[in-house]
Each structure stands twice: as structure tokens, then as C-alpha cells.
N, C-alpha and C. Protein backbone atom coordinates (compact mmCIF):
# COMPACT_ATOMS: atom_id res chain seq x y z
N MET A 1 30.50 7.00 -30.29
CA MET A 1 30.91 8.30 -30.55
C MET A 1 30.93 9.06 -29.10
N PRO A 2 32.09 9.70 -28.79
CA PRO A 2 32.11 10.43 -27.54
C PRO A 2 31.31 11.64 -27.46
N ILE A 3 30.67 11.92 -26.32
CA ILE A 3 29.82 13.13 -26.20
C ILE A 3 30.86 14.42 -26.13
N GLN A 4 30.49 15.35 -26.95
CA GLN A 4 31.25 16.70 -26.89
C GLN A 4 30.39 17.70 -26.08
N GLU A 5 31.05 18.40 -25.27
CA GLU A 5 30.27 19.39 -24.50
C GLU A 5 29.74 20.44 -25.45
N THR A 6 28.49 20.73 -25.13
CA THR A 6 27.85 21.79 -25.87
C THR A 6 26.70 22.31 -25.06
N THR A 7 26.54 23.66 -25.00
CA THR A 7 25.41 24.22 -24.27
C THR A 7 24.70 25.20 -25.35
N LEU A 8 23.40 24.95 -25.42
CA LEU A 8 22.63 25.64 -26.20
C LEU A 8 22.08 26.91 -25.43
N VAL A 9 22.36 28.09 -25.94
CA VAL A 9 21.92 29.34 -25.28
C VAL A 9 21.07 30.15 -26.18
N ARG A 10 20.02 30.61 -25.81
CA ARG A 10 19.11 31.41 -26.59
C ARG A 10 19.61 32.91 -26.77
N ALA A 11 19.66 33.38 -28.04
CA ALA A 11 19.94 34.83 -28.22
C ALA A 11 18.82 35.72 -27.63
N PHE A 12 19.23 36.86 -27.23
CA PHE A 12 18.31 37.77 -26.71
C PHE A 12 18.57 39.22 -26.92
N ALA A 13 17.68 40.10 -26.61
CA ALA A 13 17.88 41.52 -26.49
C ALA A 13 16.99 42.12 -25.48
N THR A 14 17.39 43.13 -24.82
CA THR A 14 16.69 43.77 -23.74
C THR A 14 16.26 45.20 -24.11
N LEU A 15 14.98 45.38 -24.00
CA LEU A 15 14.35 46.73 -24.20
C LEU A 15 14.05 47.41 -22.89
N THR A 16 14.32 48.62 -22.87
CA THR A 16 14.01 49.38 -21.57
C THR A 16 13.77 50.85 -22.06
N ALA A 17 13.61 51.71 -20.93
CA ALA A 17 13.20 53.10 -21.16
C ALA A 17 14.44 54.06 -21.33
N ASP A 18 14.24 54.87 -22.20
CA ASP A 18 15.14 56.17 -22.25
C ASP A 18 14.49 57.04 -21.16
N ALA A 19 15.31 57.38 -20.10
CA ALA A 19 14.90 58.24 -19.00
C ALA A 19 14.35 59.59 -19.37
N ASP A 20 14.66 60.07 -20.54
CA ASP A 20 14.29 61.44 -20.96
C ASP A 20 13.14 61.45 -22.03
N ALA A 21 12.49 60.32 -22.20
CA ALA A 21 11.54 60.37 -23.21
C ALA A 21 10.31 59.39 -22.84
N ASP A 22 9.21 59.52 -23.57
CA ASP A 22 8.10 58.67 -23.44
C ASP A 22 7.82 58.08 -24.74
N ILE A 23 7.15 56.85 -24.71
CA ILE A 23 6.70 56.27 -25.96
C ILE A 23 5.66 57.09 -26.61
N VAL A 24 5.76 57.35 -27.91
CA VAL A 24 4.64 58.05 -28.52
C VAL A 24 3.95 57.11 -29.39
N GLU A 25 2.55 57.64 -29.65
CA GLU A 25 1.78 56.84 -30.51
C GLU A 25 2.44 56.63 -31.82
N ALA A 26 2.34 55.48 -32.51
CA ALA A 26 2.85 55.23 -33.83
C ALA A 26 4.27 54.64 -33.61
N GLU A 27 4.89 54.72 -32.45
CA GLU A 27 6.25 54.17 -32.23
C GLU A 27 6.31 52.74 -32.65
N THR A 28 7.41 52.30 -33.24
CA THR A 28 7.39 50.86 -33.74
C THR A 28 8.66 50.09 -33.12
N VAL A 29 8.41 48.81 -33.13
CA VAL A 29 9.48 47.90 -32.64
C VAL A 29 9.38 46.78 -33.82
N VAL A 30 10.48 46.40 -34.43
CA VAL A 30 10.44 45.33 -35.44
C VAL A 30 11.24 44.16 -35.10
N ILE A 31 10.67 43.00 -34.83
CA ILE A 31 11.38 41.94 -34.46
C ILE A 31 11.17 40.78 -35.36
N GLY A 32 12.24 40.08 -35.99
CA GLY A 32 12.08 39.08 -36.91
C GLY A 32 11.18 39.37 -38.03
N GLY A 33 11.21 40.68 -38.48
CA GLY A 33 10.46 41.00 -39.62
C GLY A 33 8.94 41.37 -39.40
N VAL A 34 8.57 41.38 -38.10
CA VAL A 34 7.21 41.60 -37.64
C VAL A 34 7.22 43.02 -36.94
N THR A 35 6.37 43.93 -37.42
CA THR A 35 6.31 45.31 -36.87
C THR A 35 5.27 45.38 -35.79
N TYR A 36 5.60 45.89 -34.73
CA TYR A 36 4.80 46.20 -33.69
C TYR A 36 4.56 47.74 -33.54
N THR A 37 3.35 48.20 -33.60
CA THR A 37 3.12 49.52 -33.61
C THR A 37 2.32 50.01 -32.44
N PHE A 38 2.57 50.90 -31.54
CA PHE A 38 1.86 51.43 -30.50
C PHE A 38 0.79 52.31 -31.05
N ASP A 39 -0.51 51.82 -30.78
CA ASP A 39 -1.65 52.45 -31.43
C ASP A 39 -2.87 52.51 -30.42
N ALA A 40 -3.51 53.67 -30.26
CA ALA A 40 -4.64 53.56 -29.31
C ALA A 40 -5.81 52.72 -29.78
N THR A 41 -5.87 52.35 -30.96
CA THR A 41 -6.99 51.60 -31.58
C THR A 41 -6.34 50.32 -32.06
N LEU A 42 -6.91 49.13 -31.80
CA LEU A 42 -6.34 47.88 -32.24
C LEU A 42 -7.03 47.50 -33.55
N ASP A 43 -6.53 48.06 -34.76
CA ASP A 43 -7.31 47.76 -35.90
C ASP A 43 -6.30 47.03 -36.85
N ALA A 44 -5.23 46.57 -36.48
CA ALA A 44 -4.35 45.73 -37.38
C ALA A 44 -3.44 44.79 -36.67
N VAL A 45 -2.93 43.84 -37.33
CA VAL A 45 -1.98 42.81 -36.68
C VAL A 45 -0.74 43.60 -36.45
N GLY A 46 -0.25 43.40 -35.23
CA GLY A 46 0.92 44.11 -34.80
C GLY A 46 0.73 45.25 -34.01
N ASP A 47 -0.51 45.73 -33.92
CA ASP A 47 -0.93 46.90 -33.06
C ASP A 47 -0.71 46.55 -31.60
N VAL A 48 -0.13 47.48 -30.89
CA VAL A 48 0.07 47.36 -29.32
C VAL A 48 -0.76 48.41 -28.69
N PRO A 49 -1.67 48.02 -27.74
CA PRO A 49 -2.44 49.09 -27.07
C PRO A 49 -1.53 50.17 -26.46
N PHE A 50 -1.88 51.43 -26.90
CA PHE A 50 -1.13 52.49 -26.48
C PHE A 50 -1.78 53.18 -25.35
N VAL A 51 -1.06 53.50 -24.30
CA VAL A 51 -1.39 54.44 -23.18
C VAL A 51 -0.20 55.40 -22.96
N THR A 52 -0.41 56.29 -21.93
CA THR A 52 0.70 57.18 -21.68
C THR A 52 1.79 56.55 -20.63
N ALA A 53 1.51 55.40 -20.04
CA ALA A 53 2.35 54.89 -18.99
C ALA A 53 3.35 53.96 -19.81
N PHE A 54 4.72 54.28 -19.53
CA PHE A 54 5.73 53.43 -20.28
C PHE A 54 5.69 52.03 -19.89
N ALA A 55 5.69 51.66 -18.54
CA ALA A 55 5.63 50.29 -18.05
C ALA A 55 4.35 49.55 -18.55
N THR A 56 3.27 50.13 -18.68
CA THR A 56 2.09 49.58 -19.23
C THR A 56 2.20 49.25 -20.64
N ASN A 57 2.77 50.18 -21.40
CA ASN A 57 3.08 49.93 -22.85
C ASN A 57 3.99 48.78 -23.16
N MET A 58 5.06 48.76 -22.19
CA MET A 58 5.98 47.59 -22.42
C MET A 58 5.31 46.15 -22.13
N ALA A 59 4.46 46.22 -20.99
CA ALA A 59 3.73 44.99 -20.69
C ALA A 59 2.74 44.61 -21.89
N ALA A 60 2.18 45.59 -22.47
CA ALA A 60 1.27 45.33 -23.56
C ALA A 60 2.15 44.71 -24.79
N LEU A 61 3.36 45.33 -25.02
CA LEU A 61 4.03 44.73 -26.09
C LEU A 61 4.41 43.28 -26.00
N VAL A 62 4.64 42.81 -24.65
CA VAL A 62 4.94 41.39 -24.39
C VAL A 62 3.73 40.59 -24.78
N LYS A 63 2.46 40.97 -24.47
CA LYS A 63 1.27 40.23 -24.78
C LYS A 63 1.07 40.16 -26.27
N VAL A 64 1.51 41.22 -27.00
CA VAL A 64 1.26 41.23 -28.48
C VAL A 64 2.22 40.26 -29.20
N ILE A 65 3.51 40.38 -28.69
CA ILE A 65 4.54 39.52 -29.30
C ILE A 65 4.27 37.96 -29.10
N ASN A 66 3.81 37.72 -27.81
CA ASN A 66 3.46 36.35 -27.46
C ASN A 66 2.01 35.99 -27.84
N ALA A 67 1.14 36.80 -28.27
CA ALA A 67 -0.21 36.79 -28.56
C ALA A 67 -0.91 36.02 -27.20
N THR A 68 -0.72 36.56 -26.16
CA THR A 68 -1.25 36.14 -24.85
C THR A 68 -2.21 37.16 -24.34
N GLY A 69 -3.06 36.77 -23.43
CA GLY A 69 -4.16 37.79 -23.04
C GLY A 69 -5.35 37.54 -23.66
N THR A 70 -6.13 38.55 -23.85
CA THR A 70 -7.51 38.54 -24.39
C THR A 70 -7.46 39.04 -25.84
N SER A 71 -7.87 38.32 -26.89
CA SER A 71 -7.87 38.61 -28.17
C SER A 71 -8.89 39.86 -28.34
N GLY A 72 -8.54 40.79 -28.95
CA GLY A 72 -9.33 41.99 -29.20
C GLY A 72 -9.18 42.99 -28.13
N THR A 73 -8.67 42.64 -27.07
CA THR A 73 -8.47 43.63 -25.97
C THR A 73 -6.88 43.86 -25.79
N ASP A 74 -6.19 42.77 -25.67
CA ASP A 74 -4.70 42.85 -25.42
C ASP A 74 -4.01 42.92 -26.75
N TYR A 75 -4.56 42.45 -27.78
CA TYR A 75 -4.06 42.47 -29.16
C TYR A 75 -5.08 42.24 -30.13
N PHE A 76 -4.74 42.57 -31.35
CA PHE A 76 -5.72 42.54 -32.57
C PHE A 76 -6.16 41.10 -32.72
N ALA A 77 -7.49 40.96 -33.00
CA ALA A 77 -8.00 39.60 -33.10
C ALA A 77 -7.14 38.62 -34.00
N GLY A 78 -6.70 39.10 -34.97
CA GLY A 78 -5.91 38.22 -35.97
C GLY A 78 -4.43 38.01 -35.60
N GLN A 79 -3.89 38.57 -34.52
CA GLN A 79 -2.60 38.40 -34.07
C GLN A 79 -2.15 36.98 -33.80
N THR A 80 -0.98 36.70 -34.20
CA THR A 80 -0.31 35.34 -33.89
C THR A 80 0.92 35.64 -33.17
N LYS A 81 1.41 34.69 -32.54
CA LYS A 81 2.78 34.74 -31.74
C LYS A 81 3.89 35.01 -32.78
N ASN A 82 4.80 35.74 -32.31
CA ASN A 82 6.10 35.94 -33.21
C ASN A 82 6.64 34.39 -33.41
N GLN A 83 6.97 34.08 -34.69
CA GLN A 83 7.43 32.70 -34.94
C GLN A 83 8.98 32.59 -34.58
N TYR A 84 9.62 33.69 -34.43
CA TYR A 84 11.13 33.59 -34.16
C TYR A 84 11.56 33.80 -32.76
N CYS A 85 10.59 34.48 -31.89
CA CYS A 85 11.06 34.77 -30.57
C CYS A 85 9.87 35.03 -29.62
N HIS A 86 10.23 35.01 -28.41
CA HIS A 86 9.03 35.34 -27.46
C HIS A 86 9.64 36.29 -26.43
N ALA A 87 8.80 37.17 -25.79
CA ALA A 87 8.98 38.29 -24.93
C ALA A 87 8.83 37.89 -23.49
N VAL A 88 9.61 38.43 -22.48
CA VAL A 88 9.43 38.27 -21.14
C VAL A 88 9.55 39.60 -20.56
N LEU A 89 8.47 39.93 -19.65
CA LEU A 89 8.50 41.24 -18.84
C LEU A 89 9.41 40.88 -17.59
N LYS A 90 10.57 41.41 -17.65
CA LYS A 90 11.55 41.15 -16.51
C LYS A 90 11.31 42.03 -15.30
N SER A 91 10.95 43.24 -15.44
CA SER A 91 10.55 44.02 -14.45
C SER A 91 9.83 45.22 -14.95
N SER A 92 9.25 46.17 -14.20
CA SER A 92 8.52 47.35 -14.69
C SER A 92 9.17 48.00 -15.85
N GLY A 93 8.67 47.83 -16.98
CA GLY A 93 9.21 48.51 -18.24
C GLY A 93 10.35 47.87 -18.99
N VAL A 94 10.86 46.72 -18.34
CA VAL A 94 12.06 46.16 -18.98
C VAL A 94 11.63 44.80 -19.56
N VAL A 95 11.79 44.69 -21.01
CA VAL A 95 11.31 43.46 -21.62
C VAL A 95 12.63 42.79 -22.34
N THR A 96 12.73 41.54 -22.11
CA THR A 96 13.76 40.71 -22.79
C THR A 96 13.07 39.91 -23.88
N ILE A 97 13.68 40.03 -25.08
CA ILE A 97 13.21 39.28 -26.14
C ILE A 97 14.14 38.01 -26.35
N TYR A 98 13.65 36.82 -26.33
CA TYR A 98 14.54 35.58 -26.61
C TYR A 98 14.22 34.93 -27.86
N SER A 99 15.07 34.40 -28.49
CA SER A 99 14.92 33.61 -29.68
C SER A 99 14.26 32.31 -29.30
N ARG A 100 13.33 31.86 -30.15
CA ARG A 100 12.60 30.53 -29.86
C ARG A 100 13.49 29.28 -29.91
N VAL A 101 14.43 29.33 -30.82
CA VAL A 101 15.35 28.27 -31.00
C VAL A 101 16.82 28.70 -30.33
N ALA A 102 17.25 27.87 -29.54
CA ALA A 102 18.51 28.15 -28.88
C ALA A 102 19.67 27.88 -29.85
N GLY A 103 20.89 28.46 -29.65
CA GLY A 103 21.95 28.28 -30.60
C GLY A 103 22.30 29.74 -31.33
N VAL A 104 23.37 29.51 -31.96
CA VAL A 104 23.89 30.68 -32.79
C VAL A 104 22.92 31.08 -33.81
N SER A 105 22.02 30.34 -34.26
CA SER A 105 21.09 30.78 -35.23
C SER A 105 20.11 31.94 -34.89
N GLY A 106 19.94 32.00 -33.50
CA GLY A 106 19.08 33.02 -32.97
C GLY A 106 19.83 34.42 -33.12
N ASN A 107 21.14 34.40 -33.31
CA ASN A 107 21.81 35.74 -33.51
C ASN A 107 21.49 36.39 -34.84
N LEU A 108 20.79 35.83 -35.64
CA LEU A 108 20.42 36.19 -36.97
C LEU A 108 19.15 36.91 -36.94
N ILE A 109 18.39 36.98 -35.83
CA ILE A 109 17.04 37.55 -35.85
C ILE A 109 17.20 39.03 -35.68
N PRO A 110 16.65 39.85 -36.73
CA PRO A 110 16.82 41.31 -36.71
C PRO A 110 15.86 41.91 -35.64
N ILE A 111 16.24 43.01 -35.04
CA ILE A 111 15.43 43.90 -34.22
C ILE A 111 15.81 45.30 -34.38
N THR A 112 14.79 46.16 -34.53
CA THR A 112 14.93 47.54 -34.74
C THR A 112 13.91 48.24 -33.87
N ILE A 113 14.13 49.36 -33.34
CA ILE A 113 13.36 50.19 -32.47
C ILE A 113 13.20 51.57 -33.19
N GLY A 114 12.05 52.25 -32.89
CA GLY A 114 11.82 53.61 -33.42
C GLY A 114 12.78 54.59 -32.72
N THR A 115 12.21 55.69 -32.72
CA THR A 115 12.97 56.91 -32.20
C THR A 115 12.51 57.53 -30.88
N SER A 116 11.47 56.98 -30.22
CA SER A 116 11.11 57.58 -29.00
C SER A 116 11.80 57.08 -27.87
N ALA A 117 11.12 56.48 -26.93
CA ALA A 117 11.58 56.12 -25.48
C ALA A 117 12.21 54.72 -25.29
N ILE A 118 11.96 53.87 -26.26
CA ILE A 118 12.49 52.49 -26.23
C ILE A 118 13.94 52.45 -26.40
N VAL A 119 14.76 51.76 -25.56
CA VAL A 119 16.24 51.69 -25.80
C VAL A 119 16.61 50.23 -25.84
N LEU A 120 17.46 49.94 -26.87
CA LEU A 120 17.99 48.46 -26.86
C LEU A 120 19.23 48.52 -26.19
N THR A 121 19.20 47.93 -24.97
CA THR A 121 20.23 48.05 -23.92
C THR A 121 21.42 47.25 -24.18
N ASP A 122 21.40 46.07 -24.95
CA ASP A 122 22.45 45.20 -25.08
C ASP A 122 23.47 45.51 -26.14
N ASP A 123 23.27 46.66 -26.79
CA ASP A 123 24.09 47.03 -27.99
C ASP A 123 24.22 45.90 -28.98
N ASN A 124 23.06 45.33 -29.48
CA ASN A 124 22.94 44.21 -30.23
C ASN A 124 23.24 44.46 -31.78
N SER A 125 23.62 45.72 -32.07
CA SER A 125 23.73 45.93 -33.51
C SER A 125 22.54 45.35 -34.41
N ALA A 126 21.38 45.72 -34.08
CA ALA A 126 20.11 45.36 -34.75
C ALA A 126 19.84 43.97 -34.88
N VAL A 127 20.38 43.02 -34.08
CA VAL A 127 20.00 41.63 -34.19
C VAL A 127 19.97 41.15 -32.59
N LEU A 128 19.26 40.00 -32.34
CA LEU A 128 19.47 39.34 -31.14
C LEU A 128 20.83 38.90 -30.94
N ASP A 129 21.27 38.67 -29.78
CA ASP A 129 22.71 38.41 -29.56
C ASP A 129 22.84 37.46 -28.46
N ALA A 130 24.13 36.90 -28.37
CA ALA A 130 24.55 35.96 -27.27
C ALA A 130 24.12 34.62 -27.43
N GLY A 131 23.44 34.23 -28.50
CA GLY A 131 23.03 32.90 -28.67
C GLY A 131 24.24 32.07 -28.92
N ALA A 132 24.36 30.89 -28.26
CA ALA A 132 25.58 29.99 -28.35
C ALA A 132 25.15 28.52 -28.55
N GLY A 133 26.13 27.85 -29.14
CA GLY A 133 25.87 26.51 -29.29
C GLY A 133 25.28 26.12 -30.56
N PHE A 134 25.46 24.84 -31.10
CA PHE A 134 25.09 24.35 -32.38
C PHE A 134 24.08 23.25 -32.28
N VAL A 135 22.98 23.44 -32.90
CA VAL A 135 21.83 22.47 -32.73
C VAL A 135 22.30 21.05 -33.27
N ASP A 136 23.09 21.09 -34.36
CA ASP A 136 23.45 19.72 -34.82
C ASP A 136 24.31 18.95 -33.83
N LEU A 137 25.25 19.67 -33.07
CA LEU A 137 26.11 19.12 -32.07
C LEU A 137 25.21 18.66 -30.90
N ALA A 138 24.30 19.38 -30.56
CA ALA A 138 23.30 18.93 -29.42
C ALA A 138 22.51 17.64 -29.82
N ILE A 139 22.20 17.60 -30.98
CA ILE A 139 21.47 16.35 -31.65
C ILE A 139 22.40 15.14 -31.53
N ASP A 140 23.65 15.37 -31.95
CA ASP A 140 24.57 14.28 -31.91
C ASP A 140 24.82 13.88 -30.43
N ASN A 141 24.84 14.82 -29.57
CA ASN A 141 24.99 14.51 -28.14
C ASN A 141 23.79 13.66 -27.68
N LEU A 142 22.69 14.03 -27.90
CA LEU A 142 21.48 13.19 -27.68
C LEU A 142 21.48 11.82 -28.07
N GLN A 143 21.91 11.72 -29.39
CA GLN A 143 22.07 10.37 -29.93
C GLN A 143 23.17 9.55 -29.16
N ALA A 144 24.26 10.18 -28.92
CA ALA A 144 25.31 9.46 -28.23
C ALA A 144 24.96 9.09 -26.82
N SER A 145 24.12 9.95 -26.09
CA SER A 145 23.69 9.64 -24.79
C SER A 145 22.72 8.52 -24.80
N ALA A 146 21.80 8.46 -25.89
CA ALA A 146 20.93 7.24 -26.05
C ALA A 146 21.64 5.94 -26.15
N GLN A 147 22.85 5.95 -26.87
CA GLN A 147 23.59 4.79 -26.90
C GLN A 147 24.11 4.45 -25.53
N ILE A 148 24.53 5.34 -24.82
CA ILE A 148 25.18 5.11 -23.40
C ILE A 148 24.06 4.66 -22.61
N ASN A 149 22.81 5.07 -22.69
CA ASN A 149 21.70 4.66 -21.89
C ASN A 149 21.33 3.24 -22.26
N SER A 150 21.33 2.80 -23.42
CA SER A 150 21.08 1.59 -23.86
C SER A 150 22.32 0.60 -23.40
N GLU A 151 23.45 1.08 -23.41
CA GLU A 151 24.51 0.21 -22.90
C GLU A 151 24.42 -0.07 -21.38
N VAL A 152 24.03 0.97 -20.57
CA VAL A 152 23.69 0.85 -19.27
C VAL A 152 22.58 -0.12 -19.00
N ALA A 153 21.54 0.02 -19.78
CA ALA A 153 20.38 -0.81 -19.70
C ALA A 153 20.80 -2.23 -19.87
N GLN A 154 21.66 -2.53 -20.87
CA GLN A 154 22.03 -4.00 -21.17
C GLN A 154 23.01 -4.40 -20.02
N PHE A 155 23.80 -3.59 -19.38
CA PHE A 155 24.60 -4.01 -18.27
C PHE A 155 23.77 -4.40 -17.02
N LEU A 156 22.78 -3.46 -16.81
CA LEU A 156 21.77 -3.69 -15.70
C LEU A 156 21.05 -5.02 -16.00
N ALA A 157 20.63 -5.23 -17.21
CA ALA A 157 19.99 -6.46 -17.47
C ALA A 157 20.79 -7.75 -17.25
N GLU A 158 22.11 -7.62 -17.63
CA GLU A 158 23.05 -8.73 -17.38
C GLU A 158 23.30 -8.86 -15.84
N MET A 159 23.23 -7.82 -15.16
CA MET A 159 23.35 -7.87 -13.61
C MET A 159 22.28 -8.75 -12.99
N GLU A 160 21.11 -8.49 -13.57
CA GLU A 160 19.91 -9.20 -13.03
C GLU A 160 20.07 -10.77 -13.21
N ILE A 161 20.60 -10.99 -14.40
CA ILE A 161 20.80 -12.45 -14.69
C ILE A 161 21.92 -13.03 -13.90
N ASN A 162 23.10 -12.26 -13.69
CA ASN A 162 24.32 -12.82 -13.05
C ASN A 162 24.72 -11.56 -12.00
N PRO A 163 24.17 -11.71 -10.75
CA PRO A 163 24.40 -10.62 -9.83
C PRO A 163 25.83 -10.53 -9.40
N ASN A 164 26.70 -11.48 -9.78
CA ASN A 164 28.08 -11.46 -9.33
C ASN A 164 28.96 -10.65 -10.33
N LEU A 165 28.41 -9.92 -11.39
CA LEU A 165 29.14 -9.07 -12.10
C LEU A 165 29.72 -8.02 -11.46
């Protein structure tokens, strides 16, 4: 089976600041059905430690989405990582959300933001966007390349037996 070219690209969305507003306590971001709420007290799953500095809030959001940092300090003790995506702090106050699985299926992950200072900059129409490629085609390519590797291995084995090939 010939290898068909395919590239798997993760869907993403970028969150940044509205220059005219600040994040308010109780602001929400919903990603893949999980609600993240900026709250001064960490008393529920999805709570994001709230302070008055935008960049600090966005860095805290990354820790909660990924469930990284210190449990009970950076996120609620029962928090788990988002099963559909992960977050990356790109620069001060700029967060990119990536689908965990590459390909067009990532374009189905919903994302909504509240009404204060967070802006969805990629005009994603409430879903992660720009995911490309099909996982099944990528699997076919892996299987096809394994066949090629075994053929090369066989050829090399034959060369060891008969170096004049």
C-alpha cells in the first residue's frame, strides 16, 4: 500500500486580554465541557486562583487546565487535567489551548469565555480550530512504513549474505 501524505495538526484556540477590561472574580472559561471559574478561594474543581493581575490569572488558568503545580495551592485538590486539551502560556497573559489528539476531531472541542477581559483571538466560533489530518490515514501510513522497513531489513539481510547485490 503506498504511503499517502498526511500531517496531523492539533486544533487550538488562543486566549488573550481585552485591553479595556480586567478579569473579574467569577469569570468563567469553558473548555471541552469543563468550567473554569476565577475564584479567590479554591473550594471546587475548576476553580482558578483569582488575583487582580491579568497575566497572573492567565498563568493560573494554565495550571488548572493541566492540573500542574501544587495541589491545594495552584488548583483545587480534586482537580484533574482536562481530558480533551492542554494549555500553554505563550507569553505574559497569552494562553493557547491545544487539543490532546491531533487531527480534525480536535475541531469539535467547544470553548466559551465569559464577559470580562478574556478574548478568544482566533475567531474560533466557540470551538478549537485549525486541526488537520485524519488519524486513520496516519495509522495506515504507519502500517505502510512498517512494511517498507521490513522490506529494507530483508534487503539488508540479503546483502549481508551476498555483498554483490
